[in-house]
Amino acid sequence: MTVRRDFELVFDDSYFVRLHGDGFARLLEQPARRARLASVLEEAREVMEPAACYDAFPIEKVMHGQFRLAGGTRIGGGPVVEVLGGAEVLYAAICTIGCALDERVRAHREAGRRFEMLMLDELGSWAVDQVRQQLYEGLSCELAGRDWRTSSPLSPGEGVWSIREQRTIFKLLDADEIGVRLLPSYVIEPMKSLTVVFGAGASPMGVEGLTNCDFCSIQDRCRYAGARIAH
């Protein structure tokens, strides 16, 4: 298993404002409100500790809509076999931005600072997606150097793939290395953490060139579907 912590989180405040529309922009015409947003952005940069752990698992066989991995673990359901079809190896990863942001969000909520709470929570969601994106793009580039292809990535719970498959990914990886754990409810702690898989191999994949947003059930109402930052 490999652990990475060298992620660069980028927050474009003007873009963040545009994502929220004209009403939000008018709200920020108030100097005090603009100063509060600037403070939240600075706070986000200070407390986030991006990290990811990942590993590659040889695929032995496709069985009843699931992949059987070397060692006997089975993973699948939803669109997994369709998207990763043709892969020789399944990559699984857990991404996080650490627990400090959860604590700050809680502190703002308890103090009645609703604006700061909501903005920091949204920035956390944006940040952990940047970790996922950078990890996936970095591994895809590395694999391309070996003339391997990669499938589109998938995350449990973001579409029709059951959130219960979080448990399988946590069995494959030692999440303690990055301070992450899975609750019995299949919710991950810290809250701004996620899991992701994709396939790799020399042959064409079932689905290539899409992002997790294309499989997400809330893509039609998510501000950040188009907010992916290239590095």
Protein backbone atom coordinates (compact mmCIF):
# COMPACT_ATOMS: atom_id res chain seq x y z
CA MET A 1 0.00 0.00 0.00
CA THR A 2 1.20 3.50 -0.83
CA VAL A 3 0.44 6.68 1.13
CA ARG A 4 0.57 10.11 -0.49
CA ARG A 5 0.39 13.50 1.20
CA ASP A 6 1.81 15.76 -1.52
CA PHE A 7 -1.48 17.15 -2.79
CA GLU A 8 -1.88 20.83 -3.69
CA LEU A 9 -5.29 22.22 -2.81
CA VAL A 10 -6.29 25.27 -4.81
CA PHE A 11 -9.21 27.55 -3.94
CA ASP A 12 -10.02 30.29 -6.43
CA ASP A 13 -12.17 32.65 -4.38
CA SER A 14 -13.56 34.51 -7.39
CA TYR A 15 -14.60 31.21 -8.97
CA PHE A 16 -16.12 30.09 -5.68
CA VAL A 17 -18.26 33.23 -5.66
CA ARG A 18 -19.36 32.70 -9.28
CA LEU A 19 -20.45 29.15 -8.45
CA HIS A 20 -22.90 30.53 -5.90
CA GLY A 21 -24.54 32.95 -8.31
CA ASP A 22 -25.50 36.61 -8.38
CA GLY A 23 -27.32 36.59 -5.06
CA PHE A 24 -24.21 35.42 -3.24
CA ALA A 25 -22.10 37.99 -5.09
CA ARG A 26 -24.47 40.76 -3.98
CA LEU A 27 -24.25 39.51 -0.40
CA LEU A 28 -20.48 39.86 -0.59
CA GLU A 29 -20.78 43.50 -1.60
CA GLN A 30 -20.98 44.04 2.15
CA PRO A 31 -17.35 44.51 3.28
CA ALA A 32 -17.97 42.65 6.53
CA ARG A 33 -19.37 39.61 4.71
CA ARG A 34 -16.51 39.65 2.19
CA ALA A 35 -14.04 39.73 5.08
CA ARG A 36 -15.77 36.74 6.68
CA LEU A 37 -15.43 34.75 3.46
CA ALA A 38 -11.76 35.66 3.19
CA SER A 39 -11.29 34.46 6.75
CA VAL A 40 -12.98 31.13 5.98
CA LEU A 41 -10.80 30.59 2.91
CA GLU A 42 -7.69 31.22 4.98
CA GLU A 43 -8.96 28.92 7.70
CA ALA A 44 -9.57 26.16 5.15
CA ARG A 45 -6.02 26.44 3.82
CA GLU A 46 -4.62 26.25 7.34
CA VAL A 47 -6.50 23.20 8.66
CA MET A 48 -6.70 20.84 5.69
CA GLU A 49 -4.22 17.96 5.66
CA PRO A 50 -4.80 16.10 2.38
CA ALA A 51 -3.76 12.45 2.21
CA ALA A 52 -4.58 9.26 0.35
CA CYS A 53 -3.69 5.59 0.57
CA TYR A 54 -4.02 3.24 -2.35
CA ASP A 55 -3.00 -0.12 -3.75
CA ALA A 56 -3.42 -2.23 -6.89
CA PHE A 57 -5.09 -5.64 -6.83
CA PRO A 58 -4.88 -8.18 -9.69
CA ILE A 59 -8.28 -9.21 -11.03
CA GLU A 60 -8.67 -12.98 -11.29
CA LYS A 61 -12.18 -13.39 -12.60
CA VAL A 62 -15.57 -11.77 -13.21
CA MET A 63 -18.31 -13.56 -11.28
CA HIS A 64 -21.99 -12.60 -11.11
CA GLY A 65 -21.46 -8.88 -11.60
CA GLN A 66 -18.42 -8.76 -9.36
CA PHE A 67 -14.66 -8.93 -9.71
CA ARG A 68 -12.82 -11.60 -7.75
CA LEU A 69 -9.44 -10.20 -6.78
CA ALA A 70 -6.27 -12.11 -5.99
CA GLY A 71 -6.74 -13.38 -2.44
CA GLY A 72 -10.45 -13.97 -2.90
CA THR A 73 -11.98 -10.56 -2.16
CA ARG A 74 -15.00 -9.78 -4.29
CA ILE A 75 -16.01 -6.25 -5.23
CA GLY A 76 -18.66 -4.98 -7.59
CA GLY A 77 -22.32 -4.29 -8.01
CA GLY A 78 -23.85 -1.27 -9.69
CA PRO A 79 -21.86 -0.15 -12.75
CA VAL A 80 -18.48 -1.50 -11.54
CA VAL A 81 -18.03 -4.41 -13.94
CA GLU A 82 -19.41 -2.39 -16.85
CA VAL A 83 -17.05 0.55 -16.23
CA LEU A 84 -13.94 -1.45 -15.28
CA GLY A 85 -14.52 -4.26 -17.78
CA GLY A 86 -11.30 -5.36 -19.47
CA ALA A 87 -9.10 -4.32 -16.55
CA GLU A 88 -6.25 -6.53 -15.38
CA VAL A 89 -5.84 -4.68 -12.10
CA LEU A 90 -8.23 -2.83 -9.80
CA TYR A 91 -6.90 0.24 -8.02
CA ALA A 92 -8.60 1.12 -4.73
CA ALA A 93 -7.97 4.30 -2.75
CA ILE A 94 -9.14 6.22 0.30
CA CYS A 95 -8.81 10.01 0.22
CA THR A 96 -9.18 12.55 3.03
CA ILE A 97 -8.40 16.10 4.09
CA GLY A 98 -8.02 15.19 7.76
CA CYS A 99 -10.07 15.67 10.91
CA ALA A 100 -9.27 19.30 11.77
CA LEU A 101 -11.86 20.68 9.36
CA ASP A 102 -14.62 18.62 11.01
CA GLU A 103 -13.67 20.18 14.34
CA ARG A 104 -13.75 23.71 12.92
CA VAL A 105 -17.15 23.14 11.29
CA ARG A 106 -18.47 21.85 14.61
CA ALA A 107 -17.08 24.86 16.46
CA HIS A 108 -18.72 27.28 14.03
CA ARG A 109 -22.05 25.46 14.35
CA GLU A 110 -21.96 25.51 18.15
CA ALA A 111 -21.08 29.21 18.12
CA GLY A 112 -23.95 30.03 15.77
CA ARG A 113 -21.65 31.08 12.92
CA ARG A 114 -23.81 29.53 10.21
CA PHE A 115 -22.14 31.36 7.30
CA GLU A 116 -18.67 30.15 8.31
CA MET A 117 -19.97 26.63 8.96
CA LEU A 118 -21.59 26.29 5.54
CA MET A 119 -18.71 27.82 3.61
CA LEU A 120 -16.09 25.69 5.35
CA ASP A 121 -18.16 22.55 4.82
CA GLU A 122 -18.46 23.28 1.08
CA LEU A 123 -14.75 23.99 0.77
CA GLY A 124 -14.06 20.64 2.44
CA SER A 125 -16.13 18.82 -0.18
CA TRP A 126 -14.31 20.65 -2.95
CA ALA A 127 -10.93 19.86 -1.38
CA VAL A 128 -11.39 16.11 -0.98
CA ASP A 129 -12.55 15.92 -4.59
CA GLN A 130 -9.30 17.64 -5.58
CA VAL A 131 -7.39 14.91 -3.72
CA ARG A 132 -9.32 12.22 -5.60
CA GLN A 133 -8.79 13.98 -8.93
CA GLN A 134 -5.07 14.52 -8.45
CA LEU A 135 -4.52 10.94 -7.30
CA TYR A 136 -6.44 9.50 -10.23
CA GLU A 137 -4.78 11.74 -12.81
CA GLY A 138 -1.32 11.06 -11.40
CA LEU A 139 -1.78 7.29 -11.47
CA SER A 140 -3.35 7.43 -14.94
CA CYS A 141 -0.32 9.33 -16.24
CA GLU A 142 2.06 6.86 -14.61
CA LEU A 143 0.20 3.90 -16.09
CA ALA A 144 0.07 5.53 -19.53
CA GLY A 145 3.88 5.47 -19.43
CA ARG A 146 3.58 1.67 -19.36
CA ASP A 147 1.11 1.76 -22.29
CA TRP A 148 -1.72 0.86 -19.95
CA ARG A 149 -5.19 2.34 -20.08
CA THR A 150 -7.38 3.36 -17.16
CA SER A 151 -11.12 3.23 -16.70
CA SER A 152 -13.21 6.08 -15.42
CA PRO A 153 -13.20 6.25 -11.59
CA LEU A 154 -16.12 5.24 -9.39
CA SER A 155 -16.94 6.00 -5.75
CA PRO A 156 -19.47 4.04 -3.66
CA GLY A 157 -22.56 5.98 -2.70
CA GLU A 158 -22.28 8.67 -5.37
CA GLY A 159 -24.49 6.88 -7.87
CA VAL A 160 -26.18 3.50 -8.07
CA TRP A 161 -23.14 1.75 -6.63
CA SER A 162 -24.05 0.87 -3.04
CA ILE A 163 -22.35 2.73 -0.22
CA ARG A 164 -21.98 -0.68 1.47
CA GLU A 165 -18.99 -1.35 -0.78
CA GLN A 166 -17.08 1.13 1.36
CA ARG A 167 -16.56 -1.84 3.67
CA THR A 168 -14.82 -3.89 0.97
CA ILE A 169 -12.42 -1.07 0.14
CA PHE A 170 -11.58 -0.59 3.81
CA LYS A 171 -10.78 -4.30 4.08
CA LEU A 172 -8.32 -3.94 1.21
CA LEU A 173 -6.50 -0.91 2.62
CA ASP A 174 -5.07 0.12 6.00
CA ALA A 175 -6.94 3.38 6.49
CA ASP A 176 -5.37 3.89 9.92
CA GLU A 177 -2.26 5.06 8.07
CA ILE A 178 -4.09 8.26 7.10
CA GLY A 179 -6.30 8.58 10.17
CA VAL A 180 -9.55 7.43 8.57
CA ARG A 181 -12.13 4.90 9.75
CA LEU A 182 -15.43 3.47 8.57
CA LEU A 183 -18.43 3.58 10.90
CA PRO A 184 -21.00 0.74 11.07
CA SER A 185 -23.36 3.05 9.12
CA TYR A 186 -20.80 3.03 6.24
CA VAL A 187 -20.11 6.71 6.84
CA ILE A 188 -16.42 7.62 6.81
CA GLU A 189 -14.67 9.67 9.48
CA PRO A 190 -13.34 12.31 9.03
CA MET A 191 -16.43 13.42 7.13
CA LYS A 192 -14.54 14.91 4.19
CA SER A 193 -13.15 11.56 3.11
CA LEU A 194 -14.10 9.21 0.30
CA THR A 195 -13.21 5.98 -1.44
CA VAL A 196 -12.60 5.42 -5.14
CA VAL A 197 -11.73 2.58 -7.52
CA PHE A 198 -10.72 2.35 -11.15
CA GLY A 199 -9.41 -0.33 -13.48
CA ALA A 200 -6.14 -0.52 -15.39
CA GLY A 201 -4.71 -2.76 -18.08
CA ALA A 202 -3.35 -3.03 -21.60
CA SER A 203 -6.78 -3.53 -23.21
CA PRO A 204 -9.57 -0.96 -23.65
CA MET A 205 -11.67 -0.44 -20.52
CA GLY A 206 -15.44 -0.66 -20.37
CA VAL A 207 -15.81 3.09 -19.86
CA GLU A 208 -12.99 5.59 -20.23
CA GLY A 209 -12.74 9.37 -20.17
CA LEU A 210 -15.54 10.14 -17.72
CA THR A 211 -15.30 11.40 -14.13
CA ASN A 212 -17.11 10.30 -11.00
CA CYS A 213 -19.43 13.28 -11.61
CA ASP A 214 -20.86 11.48 -14.65
CA PHE A 215 -22.07 8.65 -12.40
CA CYS A 216 -23.21 10.81 -9.49
CA SER A 217 -26.90 10.97 -8.63
CA ILE A 218 -26.74 14.69 -7.69
CA GLN A 219 -24.77 15.96 -10.69
CA ASP A 220 -27.72 18.05 -11.88
CA ARG A 221 -27.68 20.15 -8.69
CA CYS A 222 -24.01 20.06 -7.66
CA ARG A 223 -22.10 23.35 -7.89
CA TYR A 224 -18.76 21.59 -8.09
CA ALA A 225 -19.40 19.24 -11.01
CA GLY A 226 -17.55 21.68 -13.25
CA ALA A 227 -15.07 22.93 -10.69
CA ARG A 228 -12.25 20.51 -11.40
CA ILE A 229 -8.86 22.14 -11.29
CA ALA A 230 -6.07 20.90 -13.53
CA HIS A 231 -2.58 20.75 -12.07
